[in-house]
Amino acid sequence: MRDKQFKNLDEQLEIFKYKGLIIEDEEFAKTVLLRENYFFINGYRHLFMKSANNKRYIEGTTFEELYSLFLFDRQFRNIIFKHLLIIENNIKSIISYQLSKKYGYKESDYLKVKNFDGAPDKQRQINDLLKKMKRQIRVNGSQHSATSHYLSNYGYIPLWVLVKVLSFGIVSEMYSILKLEDRLAIANIYGIDQETLTNYLPILANYRNLCAHEDILFENKTQRFIDDTRYHALLNIDKVDDEYIYGKNDLFALLIIIRQLLTGNEVKNLILEIEHVLNNLEYNLKTISIDKVLDRMGFPPNWKDIAGIEIGD
């Protein structure tokens, strides 16, 4: 296998130009590449290619247009990340409240195997998760101000404090192995069934990590599919072979999940923020339409209407 060789900024521009990208301001382009990384900018090329087989840019595509998609994804990612952090905090608060109320507030009380699902096939997962949580206490207990305060003054860390240093992934896994009555109590707060919430949480945790590491978001698809919801039906999303073409494992599926976990006003604000950055992107697109971007995101034409659908509709 041939090694990838280092390319300086001029050579990077030549690669772009060879593939048909117009560079109107080379100094600007080199500044962007130096600050943002050729590899990351180049990751947004696919929508501007002539076809899946023809790896040349559509005639007229400029570096500025490619960069505008990069900037859109950064802004969109920041919007999604902000709202995912709200959901993460809500989930942690609700789970810690439910378990602390029922099992106690000291880790010697709430970190017991008997407090979790008693199914034989989950025992190994439960033991592994408890080890992870206890490791978090050892590693982060003295570093986080809240946890160190409780350790120093009380000798234990309540779960409602511990969740601050637990990853969303660990909290997501913890929910999946709670006793059924606890999963039901938590899911009922959101008005959804516990199996649905069990499926949603790993998707949210994965997107949260993707956003935190600044990976490409707008065209990301997950391995997990969500079940059909009333939002699919009420928005009249098209089907192919009796399967919805949007909102299953794409960004609109994430939006459907978020719609069910945030308040109505929070969702309306989210929609307005997304609409704003999409409008900015549309203004900067010349060779492709905003519809092509929306399709890659998995957003149906009436995607904004999800904000007007009440939870009980």
Protein backbone atom coordinates (compact mmCIF):
# COMPACT_ATOMS: atom_id res chain seq x y z
CA MET A 1 0.00 0.00 0.00
CA ARG A 2 1.39 3.38 -1.00
CA ASP A 3 2.02 5.87 1.83
CA LYS A 4 0.22 9.21 1.91
CA GLN A 5 2.83 11.92 1.45
CA PHE A 6 2.77 15.33 3.12
CA LYS A 7 1.50 18.09 0.84
CA ASN A 8 2.22 21.76 1.45
CA LEU A 9 -0.50 24.38 1.04
CA ASP A 10 0.32 25.11 -2.61
CA GLU A 11 0.23 21.41 -3.42
CA GLN A 12 -3.10 21.05 -1.62
CA LEU A 13 -4.55 23.82 -3.77
CA GLU A 14 -3.24 22.10 -6.89
CA ILE A 15 -5.09 18.93 -5.92
CA PHE A 16 -8.32 20.90 -5.60
CA LYS A 17 -7.77 22.64 -8.94
CA TYR A 18 -6.90 19.38 -10.67
CA LYS A 19 -10.30 18.05 -9.61
CA GLY A 20 -12.05 21.12 -11.03
CA LEU A 21 -12.52 23.29 -7.94
CA ILE A 22 -12.22 27.03 -8.66
CA ILE A 23 -9.86 28.88 -6.32
CA GLU A 24 -10.73 32.58 -6.61
CA ASP A 25 -8.55 33.80 -3.73
CA GLU A 26 -5.54 31.56 -3.18
CA GLU A 27 -4.27 33.40 -0.11
CA PHE A 28 -7.67 33.07 1.56
CA ALA A 29 -7.84 29.40 0.63
CA LYS A 30 -4.36 28.71 2.03
CA THR A 31 -5.24 30.49 5.28
CA VAL A 32 -8.36 28.35 5.63
CA LEU A 33 -6.45 25.14 4.91
CA LEU A 34 -3.74 26.03 7.41
CA ARG A 35 -6.25 26.79 10.16
CA GLU A 36 -8.86 24.15 9.40
CA ASN A 37 -6.92 21.23 7.84
CA TYR A 38 -7.15 20.06 4.21
CA PHE A 39 -8.43 16.64 5.30
CA PHE A 40 -11.41 18.15 7.13
CA ILE A 41 -12.33 20.62 4.38
CA ASN A 42 -12.00 17.92 1.73
CA GLY A 43 -14.46 15.78 3.70
CA TYR A 44 -17.28 18.03 2.47
CA ARG A 45 -16.60 17.50 -1.24
CA HIS A 46 -19.12 14.73 -1.92
CA LEU A 47 -22.18 16.90 -2.56
CA PHE A 48 -20.19 18.89 -5.11
CA MET A 49 -18.94 15.91 -7.10
CA LYS A 50 -20.40 15.27 -10.57
CA SER A 51 -21.39 11.75 -9.55
CA ALA A 52 -20.40 8.91 -7.27
CA ASN A 53 -18.11 7.60 -10.01
CA ASN A 54 -16.91 10.92 -11.42
CA LYS A 55 -14.72 12.44 -8.70
CA ARG A 56 -14.51 15.85 -10.35
CA TYR A 57 -16.31 18.93 -9.05
CA ILE A 58 -19.46 20.21 -10.75
CA GLU A 59 -18.52 23.03 -13.14
CA GLY A 60 -18.42 26.36 -11.35
CA THR A 61 -17.90 25.01 -7.83
CA THR A 62 -15.69 27.35 -5.84
CA PHE A 63 -13.55 26.86 -2.76
CA GLU A 64 -15.75 29.41 -0.99
CA GLU A 65 -18.81 27.26 -1.67
CA LEU A 66 -17.08 24.16 -0.30
CA TYR A 67 -15.97 26.12 2.75
CA SER A 68 -19.51 27.44 3.30
CA LEU A 69 -20.76 23.85 3.71
CA PHE A 70 -17.94 23.22 6.19
CA LEU A 71 -18.94 26.32 8.18
CA PHE A 72 -22.61 25.38 8.05
CA ASP A 73 -21.86 21.97 9.50
CA ARG A 74 -19.84 23.55 12.31
CA GLN A 75 -22.71 25.91 13.17
CA PHE A 76 -25.29 23.15 12.85
CA ARG A 77 -23.15 20.85 14.99
CA ASN A 78 -22.87 23.50 17.72
CA ILE A 79 -26.65 23.95 17.75
CA ILE A 80 -27.29 20.22 18.02
CA PHE A 81 -24.56 19.80 20.63
CA LYS A 82 -26.05 22.51 22.82
CA HIS A 83 -29.44 20.80 22.84
CA LEU A 84 -27.95 17.34 23.34
CA LEU A 85 -26.21 18.65 26.46
CA ILE A 86 -29.58 19.82 27.77
CA ILE A 87 -31.02 16.34 27.19
CA GLU A 88 -27.96 14.73 28.78
CA ASN A 89 -28.33 16.86 31.88
CA ASN A 90 -32.08 16.14 32.05
CA ILE A 91 -31.57 12.37 31.75
CA LYS A 92 -28.86 12.35 34.39
CA SER A 93 -31.01 14.39 36.76
CA ILE A 94 -34.09 12.20 36.30
CA ILE A 95 -32.20 8.91 36.64
CA SER A 96 -30.29 10.06 39.72
CA TYR A 97 -33.52 11.30 41.32
CA GLN A 98 -35.35 8.03 40.67
CA LEU A 99 -32.52 5.81 41.96
CA SER A 100 -31.60 7.99 44.94
CA LYS A 101 -35.23 8.16 46.08
CA LYS A 102 -35.54 4.39 45.90
CA TYR A 103 -32.11 3.01 46.80
CA GLY A 104 -30.33 5.68 48.86
CA TYR A 105 -27.79 8.43 48.29
CA LYS A 106 -24.49 6.72 49.19
CA GLU A 107 -22.59 4.75 46.54
CA SER A 108 -22.54 1.80 48.96
CA ASP A 109 -26.35 1.88 48.67
CA TYR A 110 -27.11 2.68 45.04
CA LEU A 111 -24.21 0.74 43.47
CA LYS A 112 -25.53 -2.68 44.40
CA VAL A 113 -26.17 -5.46 41.90
CA LYS A 114 -29.59 -6.14 43.43
CA ASN A 115 -30.76 -2.65 42.41
CA PHE A 116 -30.53 -3.58 38.73
CA ASP A 117 -32.26 -5.96 36.32
CA GLY A 118 -32.16 -9.51 37.70
CA ALA A 119 -32.15 -11.21 34.28
CA PRO A 120 -29.28 -13.76 34.14
CA ASP A 121 -28.09 -12.51 30.74
CA LYS A 122 -27.53 -9.01 32.14
CA GLN A 123 -25.46 -9.88 35.19
CA ARG A 124 -22.10 -9.59 33.46
CA GLN A 125 -23.04 -6.23 31.94
CA ILE A 126 -24.23 -5.00 35.35
CA ASN A 127 -20.98 -6.01 37.06
CA ASP A 128 -18.91 -4.41 34.30
CA LEU A 129 -20.89 -1.16 34.50
CA LEU A 130 -20.59 -0.96 38.28
CA LYS A 131 -16.82 -1.36 37.91
CA LYS A 132 -16.78 1.50 35.39
CA MET A 133 -18.75 3.74 37.74
CA LYS A 134 -16.54 2.94 40.72
CA ARG A 135 -13.51 3.65 38.54
CA GLN A 136 -14.98 7.04 37.69
CA ILE A 137 -15.28 7.76 41.41
CA ARG A 138 -11.63 6.83 41.97
CA VAL A 139 -10.31 8.74 38.95
CA ASN A 140 -12.50 11.85 38.97
CA GLY A 141 -13.72 12.00 42.54
CA SER A 142 -10.89 14.22 43.74
CA GLN A 143 -10.63 16.26 40.53
CA HIS A 144 -14.20 17.54 40.17
CA SER A 145 -15.10 20.28 42.67
CA ALA A 146 -18.52 18.87 43.56
CA THR A 147 -17.40 15.27 43.99
CA SER A 148 -14.26 16.25 45.92
CA HIS A 149 -16.42 18.40 48.22
CA TYR A 150 -18.66 15.45 49.13
CA LEU A 151 -15.72 13.08 49.51
CA SER A 152 -13.86 15.49 51.79
CA ASN A 153 -16.81 16.53 53.91
CA TYR A 154 -19.08 13.49 53.92
CA GLY A 155 -17.00 10.54 52.73
CA TYR A 156 -19.37 9.59 49.90
CA ILE A 157 -20.68 10.92 46.58
CA PRO A 158 -24.46 11.07 46.02
CA LEU A 159 -25.61 9.82 42.64
CA TRP A 160 -26.99 13.24 41.72
CA VAL A 161 -23.42 14.55 42.02
CA LEU A 162 -21.69 11.51 40.55
CA VAL A 163 -23.64 11.79 37.28
CA LYS A 164 -21.72 15.00 36.56
CA VAL A 165 -18.54 12.99 35.99
CA LEU A 166 -20.21 10.02 34.27
CA SER A 167 -20.22 9.98 30.47
CA PHE A 168 -23.52 10.03 28.62
CA GLY A 169 -22.59 6.58 27.30
CA ILE A 170 -22.30 5.12 30.80
CA VAL A 171 -25.59 6.71 31.88
CA SER A 172 -27.23 5.39 28.72
CA GLU A 173 -25.98 1.88 29.47
CA MET A 174 -27.05 2.19 33.09
CA TYR A 175 -30.63 2.94 32.04
CA SER A 176 -30.74 -0.18 29.88
CA ILE A 177 -29.98 -2.46 32.85
CA LEU A 178 -32.20 -0.85 35.47
CA LYS A 179 -35.09 -2.81 36.88
CA LEU A 180 -38.12 -2.67 34.61
CA GLU A 181 -40.16 -0.59 37.08
CA ASP A 182 -37.39 2.02 37.20
CA ARG A 183 -37.08 2.16 33.41
CA LEU A 184 -40.84 2.58 33.18
CA ALA A 185 -40.92 5.36 35.79
CA ILE A 186 -38.21 7.31 33.96
CA ALA A 187 -39.68 6.78 30.48
CA ASN A 188 -43.14 7.81 31.70
CA ILE A 189 -41.78 11.26 32.52
CA TYR A 190 -41.17 11.71 28.79
CA GLY A 191 -44.41 10.04 27.78
CA ILE A 192 -42.69 7.29 25.81
CA ASP A 193 -42.24 3.57 26.42
CA GLN A 194 -39.12 2.22 28.06
CA GLU A 195 -38.00 0.17 25.04
CA THR A 196 -38.08 3.32 22.91
CA LEU A 197 -36.02 5.28 25.44
CA THR A 198 -33.57 2.37 25.70
CA ASN A 199 -33.07 2.61 21.93
CA TYR A 200 -32.86 6.41 21.88
CA LEU A 201 -30.20 6.94 24.56
CA PRO A 202 -27.24 5.24 22.76
CA ILE A 203 -28.11 7.20 19.60
CA LEU A 204 -28.05 10.45 21.57
CA ALA A 205 -24.80 9.50 23.30
CA ASN A 206 -23.14 8.70 19.96
CA TYR A 207 -24.24 11.99 18.42
CA ARG A 208 -23.11 13.85 21.54
CA ASN A 209 -19.62 12.39 21.15
CA LEU A 210 -19.59 13.05 17.41
CA CYS A 211 -20.39 16.71 18.07
CA ALA A 212 -17.81 16.98 20.84
CA HIS A 213 -15.07 15.71 18.49
CA GLU A 214 -16.15 17.93 15.57
CA ASP A 215 -16.80 15.10 13.16
CA ILE A 216 -18.93 15.68 10.06
CA LEU A 217 -22.53 15.79 11.27
CA PHE A 218 -24.93 16.85 8.55
CA GLU A 219 -24.75 13.63 6.53
CA ASN A 220 -24.09 11.23 9.39
CA LYS A 221 -26.21 8.11 9.62
CA THR A 222 -26.39 5.76 12.58
CA GLN A 223 -26.35 1.97 12.65
CA ARG A 224 -29.40 2.03 14.91
CA PHE A 225 -32.80 2.73 13.33
CA ILE A 226 -35.66 4.24 15.29
CA ASP A 227 -39.18 2.82 15.10
CA ASP A 228 -41.88 4.58 13.11
CA THR A 229 -43.48 7.39 15.11
CA ARG A 230 -46.54 9.59 14.78
CA TYR A 231 -44.21 12.31 13.55
CA HIS A 232 -43.44 10.25 10.45
CA ALA A 233 -47.15 9.83 9.79
CA LEU A 234 -48.27 13.37 10.62
CA LEU A 235 -45.56 14.86 8.40
CA ASN A 236 -46.58 12.51 5.55
CA ILE A 237 -43.00 11.42 4.94
CA ASP A 238 -42.68 9.48 1.70
CA LYS A 239 -42.19 5.73 1.73
CA VAL A 240 -40.34 3.30 -0.52
CA ASP A 241 -41.24 -0.38 -0.15
CA ASP A 242 -43.35 0.60 2.86
CA GLU A 243 -40.33 2.15 4.63
CA TYR A 244 -40.05 5.84 5.42
CA ILE A 245 -37.23 7.43 3.40
CA TYR A 246 -36.46 10.04 6.08
CA GLY A 247 -36.31 9.95 9.85
CA LYS A 248 -35.07 6.43 10.48
CA ASN A 249 -31.29 6.58 11.00
CA ASP A 250 -30.45 10.08 9.78
CA LEU A 251 -30.38 13.59 11.24
CA PHE A 252 -34.14 13.88 11.03
CA ALA A 253 -34.41 10.74 13.16
CA LEU A 254 -32.27 12.58 15.71
CA LEU A 255 -34.61 15.57 15.45
CA ILE A 256 -37.60 13.27 16.07
CA ILE A 257 -35.89 11.93 19.20
CA ILE A 258 -35.06 15.43 20.41
CA ARG A 259 -38.66 16.52 19.81
CA GLN A 260 -39.84 13.90 22.31
CA LEU A 261 -37.29 14.73 25.01
CA LEU A 262 -37.22 18.54 25.06
CA THR A 263 -40.00 20.99 25.89
CA GLY A 264 -42.08 22.56 23.14
CA ASN A 265 -40.37 25.96 23.50
CA GLU A 266 -36.91 24.38 23.43
CA VAL A 267 -37.79 22.57 20.20
CA LYS A 268 -39.16 25.75 18.61
CA ASN A 269 -35.93 27.57 19.43
CA LEU A 270 -33.93 24.66 18.00
CA ILE A 271 -35.91 24.78 14.74
CA LEU A 272 -35.41 28.53 14.42
CA GLU A 273 -31.66 28.18 14.94
CA ILE A 274 -31.37 25.40 12.35
CA GLU A 275 -33.49 27.39 9.88
CA HIS A 276 -31.20 30.39 10.31
CA VAL A 277 -27.98 28.51 9.49
CA LEU A 278 -29.68 26.72 6.57
CA ASN A 279 -30.75 30.08 5.15
CA ASN A 280 -27.17 31.34 5.41
CA LEU A 281 -25.92 28.25 3.62
CA GLU A 282 -28.54 28.55 0.88
CA TYR A 283 -27.36 32.12 0.21
CA ASN A 284 -23.80 30.87 -0.35
CA LEU A 285 -24.64 27.88 -2.55
CA LYS A 286 -24.32 28.41 -6.31
CA THR A 287 -23.81 25.04 -7.98
CA ILE A 288 -26.07 22.87 -5.82
CA SER A 289 -29.43 23.58 -4.21
CA ILE A 290 -30.26 23.60 -0.52
CA ASP A 291 -32.64 20.72 -1.26
CA LYS A 292 -29.64 18.53 -2.02
CA VAL A 293 -28.22 19.32 1.41
CA LEU A 294 -31.56 18.69 3.13
CA ASP A 295 -31.89 15.35 1.36
CA ARG A 296 -28.43 14.31 2.55
CA MET A 297 -29.42 15.32 6.08
CA GLY A 298 -32.59 13.24 5.85
CA PHE A 299 -34.80 16.32 6.27
CA PRO A 300 -38.15 16.19 4.43
CA PRO A 301 -39.32 19.42 2.73
CA ASN A 302 -41.71 20.18 5.62
CA TRP A 303 -39.16 19.40 8.34
CA LYS A 304 -39.92 22.62 10.26
CA ASP A 305 -43.51 21.48 10.90
CA ILE A 306 -42.28 19.06 13.55
CA ALA A 307 -42.12 21.97 15.99
CA GLY A 308 -45.87 22.51 15.66
CA ILE A 309 -46.83 18.91 16.43
CA GLU A 310 -47.83 18.64 20.05
CA ILE A 311 -46.73 15.64 22.07
CA GLY A 312 -50.29 14.40 22.38
CA ASP A 313 -51.22 14.80 18.71
